[in-house]
Amino acid sequence: CNFDGYHCLRKNSDCVSDILLTLPPSTNVECNCLPNCDD
């Protein structure tokens, strides 16, 4: 990100911050994150 990119992240921080941090299923991003076998 350059200044425009950070401005976008800053502009969307109120409505997107929680989504970026928690990654709920509603994001429609295929994470496919399985737990560690040895944890």
All heavy atoms as atom14 arrays in JSON, in Angstrom:
{
  "sequence": "CNFDGYHCLRKNSDCVSDILLTLPPSTNVECNCLPNCDD",
  "atom14_mask": [
    [1, 1, 1, 1, 1, 1, 0, 0, 0, 0, 0, 0, 0, 0],
    [1, 1, 1, 1, 1, 1, 1, 1, 0, 0, 0, 0, 0, 0],
    [1, 1, 1, 1, 1, 1, 1, 1, 1, 1, 1, 0, 0, 0],
    [1, 1, 1, 1, 1, 1, 1, 1, 0, 0, 0, 0, 0, 0],
    [1, 1, 1, 1, 0, 0, 0, 0, 0, 0, 0, 0, 0, 0],
    [1, 1, 1, 1, 1, 1, 1, 1, 1, 1, 1, 1, 0, 0],
    [1, 1, 1, 1, 1, 1, 1, 1, 1, 1, 0, 0, 0, 0],
    [1, 1, 1, 1, 1, 1, 0, 0, 0, 0, 0, 0, 0, 0],
    [1, 1, 1, 1, 1, 1, 1, 1, 0, 0, 0, 0, 0, 0],
    [1, 1, 1, 1, 1, 1, 1, 1, 1, 1, 1, 0, 0, 0],
    [1, 1, 1, 1, 1, 1, 1, 1, 1, 0, 0, 0, 0, 0],
    [1, 1, 1, 1, 1, 1, 1, 1, 0, 0, 0, 0, 0, 0],
    [1, 1, 1, 1, 1, 1, 0, 0, 0, 0, 0, 0, 0, 0],
    [1, 1, 1, 1, 1, 1, 1, 1, 0, 0, 0, 0, 0, 0],
    [1, 1, 1, 1, 1, 1, 0, 0, 0, 0, 0, 0, 0, 0],
    [1, 1, 1, 1, 1, 1, 1, 0, 0, 0, 0, 0, 0, 0],
    [1, 1, 1, 1, 1, 1, 0, 0, 0, 0, 0, 0, 0, 0],
    [1, 1, 1, 1, 1, 1, 1, 1, 0, 0, 0, 0, 0, 0],
    [1, 1, 1, 1, 1, 1, 1, 1, 0, 0, 0, 0, 0, 0],
    [1, 1, 1, 1, 1, 1, 1, 1, 0, 0, 0, 0, 0, 0],
    [1, 1, 1, 1, 1, 1, 1, 1, 0, 0, 0, 0, 0, 0],
    [1, 1, 1, 1, 1, 1, 1, 0, 0, 0, 0, 0, 0, 0],
    [1, 1, 1, 1, 1, 1, 1, 1, 0, 0, 0, 0, 0, 0],
    [1, 1, 1, 1, 1, 1, 1, 0, 0, 0, 0, 0, 0, 0],
    [1, 1, 1, 1, 1, 1, 1, 0, 0, 0, 0, 0, 0, 0],
    [1, 1, 1, 1, 1, 1, 0, 0, 0, 0, 0, 0, 0, 0],
    [1, 1, 1, 1, 1, 1, 1, 0, 0, 0, 0, 0, 0, 0],
    [1, 1, 1, 1, 1, 1, 1, 1, 0, 0, 0, 0, 0, 0],
    [1, 1, 1, 1, 1, 1, 1, 0, 0, 0, 0, 0, 0, 0],
    [1, 1, 1, 1, 1, 1, 1, 1, 1, 0, 0, 0, 0, 0],
    [1, 1, 1, 1, 1, 1, 0, 0, 0, 0, 0, 0, 0, 0],
    [1, 1, 1, 1, 1, 1, 1, 1, 0, 0, 0, 0, 0, 0],
    [1, 1, 1, 1, 1, 1, 0, 0, 0, 0, 0, 0, 0, 0],
    [1, 1, 1, 1, 1, 1, 1, 1, 0, 0, 0, 0, 0, 0],
    [1, 1, 1, 1, 1, 1, 1, 0, 0, 0, 0, 0, 0, 0],
    [1, 1, 1, 1, 1, 1, 1, 1, 0, 0, 0, 0, 0, 0],
    [1, 1, 1, 1, 1, 1, 0, 0, 0, 0, 0, 0, 0, 0],
    [1, 1, 1, 1, 1, 1, 1, 1, 0, 0, 0, 0, 0, 0],
    [1, 1, 1, 1, 1, 1, 1, 1, 0, 0, 0, 0, 0, 0]
  ],
  "atom14_positions": [
    [[0.83, -1.2, 0.0], [0.0, 0.0, 0.0], [0.87, 1.26, 0.0], [1.84, 1.36, 0.77], [-0.91, 0.02, 1.22], [-2.26, -1.18, 1.17], [0.0, 0.0, 0.0], [0.0, 0.0, 0.0], [0.0, 0.0, 0.0], [0.0, 0.0, 0.0], [0.0, 0.0, 0.0], [0.0, 0.0, 0.0], [0.0, 0.0, 0.0], [0.0, 0.0, 0.0]],
    [[0.51, 2.2, -0.85], [1.06, 3.55, -0.77], [0.09, 4.41, 0.04], [-0.8, 3.89, 0.72], [1.32, 4.1, -2.17], [0.08, 4.02, -3.04], [-1.05, 3.91, -2.55], [0.27, 4.07, -4.35], [0.0, 0.0, 0.0], [0.0, 0.0, 0.0], [0.0, 0.0, 0.0], [0.0, 0.0, 0.0], [0.0, 0.0, 0.0], [0.0, 0.0, 0.0]],
    [[0.23, 5.73, -0.08], [-0.66, 6.6, 0.68], [-2.13, 6.37, 0.33], [-3.0, 6.39, 1.2], [-0.29, 8.06, 0.46], [0.96, 8.48, 1.18], [1.74, 9.51, 0.7], [1.36, 7.83, 2.33], [2.9, 9.89, 1.36], [2.51, 8.19, 3.0], [3.29, 9.23, 2.51], [0.0, 0.0, 0.0], [0.0, 0.0, 0.0], [0.0, 0.0, 0.0]],
    [[-2.4, 6.15, -0.95], [-3.79, 5.9, -1.36], [-4.33, 4.61, -0.73], [-5.49, 4.54, -0.32], [-3.88, 5.81, -2.89], [-3.6, 7.14, -3.56], [-3.82, 8.19, -2.9], [-3.15, 7.14, -4.73], [0.0, 0.0, 0.0], [0.0, 0.0, 0.0], [0.0, 0.0, 0.0], [0.0, 0.0, 0.0], [0.0, 0.0, 0.0], [0.0, 0.0, 0.0]],
    [[-3.47, 3.58, -0.68], [-3.9, 2.32, -0.08], [-4.18, 2.46, 1.4], [-5.2, 1.95, 1.92], [0.0, 0.0, 0.0], [0.0, 0.0, 0.0], [0.0, 0.0, 0.0], [0.0, 0.0, 0.0], [0.0, 0.0, 0.0], [0.0, 0.0, 0.0], [0.0, 0.0, 0.0], [0.0, 0.0, 0.0], [0.0, 0.0, 0.0], [0.0, 0.0, 0.0]],
    [[-3.28, 3.12, 2.13], [-3.52, 3.31, 3.56], [-4.71, 4.22, 3.8], [-5.43, 4.07, 4.78], [-2.27, 3.88, 4.23], [-1.16, 2.86, 4.4], [0.07, 3.02, 3.77], [-1.37, 1.72, 5.16], [1.07, 2.09, 3.92], [-0.38, 0.77, 5.3], [0.84, 0.95, 4.68], [1.82, 0.01, 4.82], [0.0, 0.0, 0.0], [0.0, 0.0, 0.0]],
    [[-4.93, 5.18, 2.88], [-6.11, 6.01, 2.99], [-7.37, 5.17, 2.83], [-8.38, 5.39, 3.53], [-6.07, 7.12, 1.93], [-7.28, 8.0, 1.95], [-7.52, 8.93, 2.94], [-8.35, 8.09, 1.1], [-8.66, 9.56, 2.71], [-9.18, 9.06, 1.6], [0.0, 0.0, 0.0], [0.0, 0.0, 0.0], [0.0, 0.0, 0.0], [0.0, 0.0, 0.0]],
    [[-7.33, 4.18, 1.92], [-8.46, 3.27, 1.74], [-8.71, 2.45, 3.0], [-9.84, 2.31, 3.46], [-8.22, 2.36, 0.55], [-9.45, 1.06, 0.31], [0.0, 0.0, 0.0], [0.0, 0.0, 0.0], [0.0, 0.0, 0.0], [0.0, 0.0, 0.0], [0.0, 0.0, 0.0], [0.0, 0.0, 0.0], [0.0, 0.0, 0.0], [0.0, 0.0, 0.0]],
    [[-7.62, 1.89, 3.55], [-7.78, 1.11, 4.78], [-8.27, 1.99, 5.93], [-9.08, 1.57, 6.75], [-6.45, 0.45, 5.15], [-5.97, -0.66, 4.23], [-4.57, -1.12, 4.62], [-6.92, -1.85, 4.26], [0.0, 0.0, 0.0], [0.0, 0.0, 0.0], [0.0, 0.0, 0.0], [0.0, 0.0, 0.0], [0.0, 0.0, 0.0], [0.0, 0.0, 0.0]],
    [[-7.8, 3.23, 5.97], [-8.25, 4.14, 7.01], [-9.71, 4.53, 6.78], [-10.51, 4.6, 7.73], [-7.37, 5.39, 7.01], [-7.77, 6.42, 8.07], [-6.79, 7.58, 8.1], [-6.82, 8.34, 6.86], [-6.11, 9.44, 6.66], [-5.29, 9.88, 7.6], [-6.18, 10.07, 5.5], [0.0, 0.0, 0.0], [0.0, 0.0, 0.0], [0.0, 0.0, 0.0]],
    [[-10.08, 4.77, 5.52], [-11.44, 5.16, 5.19], [-12.43, 4.07, 5.54], [-13.55, 4.34, 5.98], [-11.53, 5.5, 3.71], [-12.91, 5.92, 3.23], [-12.89, 6.22, 1.75], [-14.29, 6.58, 1.25], [-14.29, 6.86, -0.22], [0.0, 0.0, 0.0], [0.0, 0.0, 0.0], [0.0, 0.0, 0.0], [0.0, 0.0, 0.0], [0.0, 0.0, 0.0]],
    [[-12.02, 2.81, 5.34], [-12.91, 1.68, 5.61], [-12.72, 1.09, 6.99], [-13.27, 0.02, 7.28], [-12.69, 0.58, 4.56], [-13.14, 1.0, 3.17], [-14.3, 0.94, 2.85], [-12.19, 1.44, 2.36], [0.0, 0.0, 0.0], [0.0, 0.0, 0.0], [0.0, 0.0, 0.0], [0.0, 0.0, 0.0], [0.0, 0.0, 0.0], [0.0, 0.0, 0.0]],
    [[-11.93, 1.75, 7.82], [-11.6, 1.16, 9.12], [-12.82, 0.95, 9.99], [-12.94, -0.04, 10.71], [-10.58, 2.04, 9.86], [-11.13, 3.34, 10.09], [0.0, 0.0, 0.0], [0.0, 0.0, 0.0], [0.0, 0.0, 0.0], [0.0, 0.0, 0.0], [0.0, 0.0, 0.0], [0.0, 0.0, 0.0], [0.0, 0.0, 0.0], [0.0, 0.0, 0.0]],
    [[-13.79, 1.88, 9.93], [-14.97, 1.77, 10.8], [-15.83, 0.57, 10.45], [-16.34, -0.12, 11.33], [-15.8, 3.05, 10.72], [-15.08, 4.25, 11.29], [-14.17, 4.03, 12.12], [-15.41, 5.39, 10.92], [0.0, 0.0, 0.0], [0.0, 0.0, 0.0], [0.0, 0.0, 0.0], [0.0, 0.0, 0.0], [0.0, 0.0, 0.0], [0.0, 0.0, 0.0]],
    [[-15.99, 0.3, 9.14], [-16.88, -0.77, 8.73], [-16.15, -2.08, 8.44], [-16.78, -3.12, 8.34], [-17.68, -0.36, 7.5], [-16.67, 0.05, 6.06], [0.0, 0.0, 0.0], [0.0, 0.0, 0.0], [0.0, 0.0, 0.0], [0.0, 0.0, 0.0], [0.0, 0.0, 0.0], [0.0, 0.0, 0.0], [0.0, 0.0, 0.0], [0.0, 0.0, 0.0]],
    [[-14.82, -2.03, 8.29], [-14.09, -3.22, 7.87], [-13.14, -3.73, 8.94], [-12.72, -4.89, 8.92], [-13.31, -2.93, 6.56], [-12.56, -4.15, 6.08], [-14.26, -2.46, 5.48], [0.0, 0.0, 0.0], [0.0, 0.0, 0.0], [0.0, 0.0, 0.0], [0.0, 0.0, 0.0], [0.0, 0.0, 0.0], [0.0, 0.0, 0.0], [0.0, 0.0, 0.0]],
    [[-12.8, -2.89, 9.9], [-11.78, -3.27, 10.88], [-12.13, -4.57, 11.59], [-11.31, -5.46, 11.72], [-11.59, -2.15, 11.9], [-10.65, -2.52, 12.87], [0.0, 0.0, 0.0], [0.0, 0.0, 0.0], [0.0, 0.0, 0.0], [0.0, 0.0, 0.0], [0.0, 0.0, 0.0], [0.0, 0.0, 0.0], [0.0, 0.0, 0.0], [0.0, 0.0, 0.0]],
    [[-13.39, -4.67, 12.03], [-13.78, -5.9, 12.74], [-13.7, -7.11, 11.83], [-13.33, -8.21, 12.26], [-15.19, -5.75, 13.3], [-15.26, -4.74, 14.44], [-14.2, -4.45, 15.02], [-16.36, -4.22, 14.71], [0.0, 0.0, 0.0], [0.0, 0.0, 0.0], [0.0, 0.0, 0.0], [0.0, 0.0, 0.0], [0.0, 0.0, 0.0], [0.0, 0.0, 0.0]],
    [[-14.03, -6.93, 10.54], [-13.97, -8.05, 9.6], [-12.53, -8.46, 9.37], [-12.18, -9.64, 9.35], [-14.66, -7.66, 8.28], [-16.14, -7.39, 8.51], [-14.47, -8.75, 7.23], [-16.88, -6.94, 7.28], [0.0, 0.0, 0.0], [0.0, 0.0, 0.0], [0.0, 0.0, 0.0], [0.0, 0.0, 0.0], [0.0, 0.0, 0.0], [0.0, 0.0, 0.0]],
    [[-11.64, -7.48, 9.19], [-10.24, -7.79, 8.97], [-9.62, -8.49, 10.16], [-8.76, -9.35, 10.02], [-9.47, -6.51, 8.65], [-9.62, -5.97, 7.23], [-9.05, -4.57, 7.13], [-8.94, -6.88, 6.23], [0.0, 0.0, 0.0], [0.0, 0.0, 0.0], [0.0, 0.0, 0.0], [0.0, 0.0, 0.0], [0.0, 0.0, 0.0], [0.0, 0.0, 0.0]],
    [[-10.04, -8.11, 11.35], [-9.43, -8.69, 12.55], [-10.01, -10.06, 12.88], [-9.29, -10.98, 13.23], [-9.61, -7.74, 13.73], [-8.85, -6.41, 13.65], [-9.11, -5.58, 14.89], [-7.37, -6.64, 13.47], [0.0, 0.0, 0.0], [0.0, 0.0, 0.0], [0.0, 0.0, 0.0], [0.0, 0.0, 0.0], [0.0, 0.0, 0.0], [0.0, 0.0, 0.0]],
    [[-11.33, -10.22, 12.77], [-11.96, -11.46, 13.22], [-12.15, -12.48, 12.1], [-12.3, -13.67, 12.37], [-13.32, -11.16, 13.85], [-14.17, -10.5, 12.88], [-13.16, -10.25, 15.06], [0.0, 0.0, 0.0], [0.0, 0.0, 0.0], [0.0, 0.0, 0.0], [0.0, 0.0, 0.0], [0.0, 0.0, 0.0], [0.0, 0.0, 0.0], [0.0, 0.0, 0.0]],
    [[-12.16, -12.01, 10.82], [-12.35, -12.9, 9.67], [-13.57, -13.8, 9.83], [-13.47, -15.03, 9.81], [-11.11, -13.75, 9.44], [-9.83, -13.0, 9.12], [-8.66, -13.97, 9.04], [-9.95, -12.22, 7.82], [0.0, 0.0, 0.0], [0.0, 0.0, 0.0], [0.0, 0.0, 0.0], [0.0, 0.0, 0.0], [0.0, 0.0, 0.0], [0.0, 0.0, 0.0]],
    [[-14.77, -13.22, 9.99], [-15.96, -14.06, 10.12], [-16.3, -14.76, 8.81], [-15.81, -14.36, 7.74], [-17.04, -13.04, 10.5], [-16.58, -11.77, 9.88], [-15.08, -11.78, 9.98], [0.0, 0.0, 0.0], [0.0, 0.0, 0.0], [0.0, 0.0, 0.0], [0.0, 0.0, 0.0], [0.0, 0.0, 0.0], [0.0, 0.0, 0.0], [0.0, 0.0, 0.0]],
    [[-17.14, -15.81, 8.84], [-17.5, -16.52, 7.6], [-18.17, -15.63, 6.57], [-18.13, -15.93, 5.38], [-18.45, -17.61, 8.1], [-18.1, -17.81, 9.54], [-17.67, -16.47, 10.05], [0.0, 0.0, 0.0], [0.0, 0.0, 0.0], [0.0, 0.0, 0.0], [0.0, 0.0, 0.0], [0.0, 0.0, 0.0], [0.0, 0.0, 0.0], [0.0, 0.0, 0.0]],
    [[-18.77, -14.52, 6.99], [-19.47, -13.64, 6.06], [-18.52, -12.94, 5.09], [-18.97, -12.3, 4.14], [-20.28, -12.59, 6.83], [-19.44, -11.81, 7.66], [0.0, 0.0, 0.0], [0.0, 0.0, 0.0], [0.0, 0.0, 0.0], [0.0, 0.0, 0.0], [0.0, 0.0, 0.0], [0.0, 0.0, 0.0], [0.0, 0.0, 0.0], [0.0, 0.0, 0.0]],
    [[-17.21, -13.02, 5.31], [-16.27, -12.35, 4.4], [-16.2, -13.05, 3.05], [-15.71, -12.48, 2.09], [-14.86, -12.34, 5.02], [-14.45, -13.69, 5.29], [-14.86, -11.54, 6.31], [0.0, 0.0, 0.0], [0.0, 0.0, 0.0], [0.0, 0.0, 0.0], [0.0, 0.0, 0.0], [0.0, 0.0, 0.0], [0.0, 0.0, 0.0], [0.0, 0.0, 0.0]],
    [[-16.65, -14.3, 2.97], [-16.61, -15.07, 1.73], [-15.19, -15.27, 1.21], [-14.97, -15.43, 0.02], [-17.47, -14.41, 0.64], [-18.94, -14.4, 1.0], [-19.45, -15.34, 1.6], [-19.64, -13.34, 0.65], [0.0, 0.0, 0.0], [0.0, 0.0, 0.0], [0.0, 0.0, 0.0], [0.0, 0.0, 0.0], [0.0, 0.0, 0.0], [0.0, 0.0, 0.0]],
    [[-14.23, -15.23, 2.1], [-12.85, -15.52, 1.75], [-12.55, -16.96, 2.16], [-12.76, -17.33, 3.31], [-11.88, -14.55, 2.44], [-10.44, -14.95, 2.15], [-12.13, -13.13, 1.97], [0.0, 0.0, 0.0], [0.0, 0.0, 0.0], [0.0, 0.0, 0.0], [0.0, 0.0, 0.0], [0.0, 0.0, 0.0], [0.0, 0.0, 0.0], [0.0, 0.0, 0.0]],
    [[-12.1, -17.77, 1.21], [-11.8, -19.16, 1.5], [-10.48, -19.26, 2.25], [-9.41, -19.29, 1.64], [-11.76, -19.97, 0.2], [-13.09, -20.06, -0.52], [-14.13, -20.85, 0.27], [-13.72, -21.71, 1.09], [-15.32, -20.58, 0.11], [0.0, 0.0, 0.0], [0.0, 0.0, 0.0], [0.0, 0.0, 0.0], [0.0, 0.0, 0.0], [0.0, 0.0, 0.0]],
    [[-10.56, -19.29, 3.55], [-9.33, -19.37, 4.35], [-8.8, -20.8, 4.42], [-7.6, -21.02, 4.35], [-9.58, -18.83, 5.76], [-9.92, -17.05, 5.81], [0.0, 0.0, 0.0], [0.0, 0.0, 0.0], [0.0, 0.0, 0.0], [0.0, 0.0, 0.0], [0.0, 0.0, 0.0], [0.0, 0.0, 0.0], [0.0, 0.0, 0.0], [0.0, 0.0, 0.0]],
    [[-9.71, -21.77, 4.59], [-9.29, -23.17, 4.71], [-8.25, -23.35, 5.81], [-7.26, -24.09, 5.64], [-8.75, -23.7, 3.38], [-9.79, -23.7, 2.29], [-10.95, -24.0, 2.53], [-9.38, -23.34, 1.08], [0.0, 0.0, 0.0], [0.0, 0.0, 0.0], [0.0, 0.0, 0.0], [0.0, 0.0, 0.0], [0.0, 0.0, 0.0], [0.0, 0.0, 0.0]],
    [[-8.43, -22.67, 6.91], [-7.46, -22.73, 8.01], [-7.83, -23.85, 8.98], [-8.82, -23.75, 9.71], [-7.4, -21.39, 8.75], [-6.74, -20.04, 7.74], [0.0, 0.0, 0.0], [0.0, 0.0, 0.0], [0.0, 0.0, 0.0], [0.0, 0.0, 0.0], [0.0, 0.0, 0.0], [0.0, 0.0, 0.0], [0.0, 0.0, 0.0], [0.0, 0.0, 0.0]],
    [[-7.06, -24.9, 8.95], [-7.25, -26.02, 9.87], [-6.3, -25.85, 11.06], [-5.23, -25.25, 10.93], [-6.96, -27.34, 9.17], [-7.91, -27.71, 8.02], [-7.45, -29.0, 7.36], [-9.34, -27.86, 8.52], [0.0, 0.0, 0.0], [0.0, 0.0, 0.0], [0.0, 0.0, 0.0], [0.0, 0.0, 0.0], [0.0, 0.0, 0.0], [0.0, 0.0, 0.0]],
    [[-6.66, -26.37, 12.21], [-5.77, -26.25, 13.38], [-4.5, -27.05, 13.2], [-4.4, -27.92, 12.32], [-6.63, -26.8, 14.52], [-7.63, -27.68, 13.87], [-7.92, -27.06, 12.53], [0.0, 0.0, 0.0], [0.0, 0.0, 0.0], [0.0, 0.0, 0.0], [0.0, 0.0, 0.0], [0.0, 0.0, 0.0], [0.0, 0.0, 0.0], [0.0, 0.0, 0.0]],
    [[-3.52, -26.76, 14.03], [-2.27, -27.51, 14.02], [-2.5, -28.9, 14.59], [-3.21, -29.06, 15.58], [-1.21, -26.78, 14.85], [-0.93, -25.39, 14.32], [-1.01, -25.15, 13.13], [-0.59, -24.48, 15.22], [0.0, 0.0, 0.0], [0.0, 0.0, 0.0], [0.0, 0.0, 0.0], [0.0, 0.0, 0.0], [0.0, 0.0, 0.0], [0.0, 0.0, 0.0]],
    [[-1.87, -29.89, 13.99], [-2.01, -31.26, 14.51], [-1.34, -31.39, 15.88], [-1.88, -32.03, 16.78], [-1.41, -32.25, 13.52], [-2.38, -32.44, 12.01], [0.0, 0.0, 0.0], [0.0, 0.0, 0.0], [0.0, 0.0, 0.0], [0.0, 0.0, 0.0], [0.0, 0.0, 0.0], [0.0, 0.0, 0.0], [0.0, 0.0, 0.0], [0.0, 0.0, 0.0]],
    [[-0.16, -30.81, 16.02], [0.51, -30.75, 17.32], [0.46, -29.31, 17.78], [1.08, -28.44, 17.15], [1.96, -31.25, 17.23], [2.04, -32.73, 16.91], [1.12, -33.47, 17.29], [3.03, -33.14, 16.28], [0.0, 0.0, 0.0], [0.0, 0.0, 0.0], [0.0, 0.0, 0.0], [0.0, 0.0, 0.0], [0.0, 0.0, 0.0], [0.0, 0.0, 0.0]],
    [[-0.27, -29.05, 18.83], [-0.53, -27.67, 19.22], [-0.3, -27.5, 20.71], [-0.61, -28.39, 21.52], [-1.96, -27.29, 18.87], [-2.15, -25.79, 18.81], [-1.15, -25.06, 18.84], [-3.32, -25.35, 18.73], [0.0, 0.0, 0.0], [0.0, 0.0, 0.0], [0.0, 0.0, 0.0], [0.0, 0.0, 0.0], [0.0, 0.0, 0.0], [0.0, 0.0, 0.0]]
  ]
}
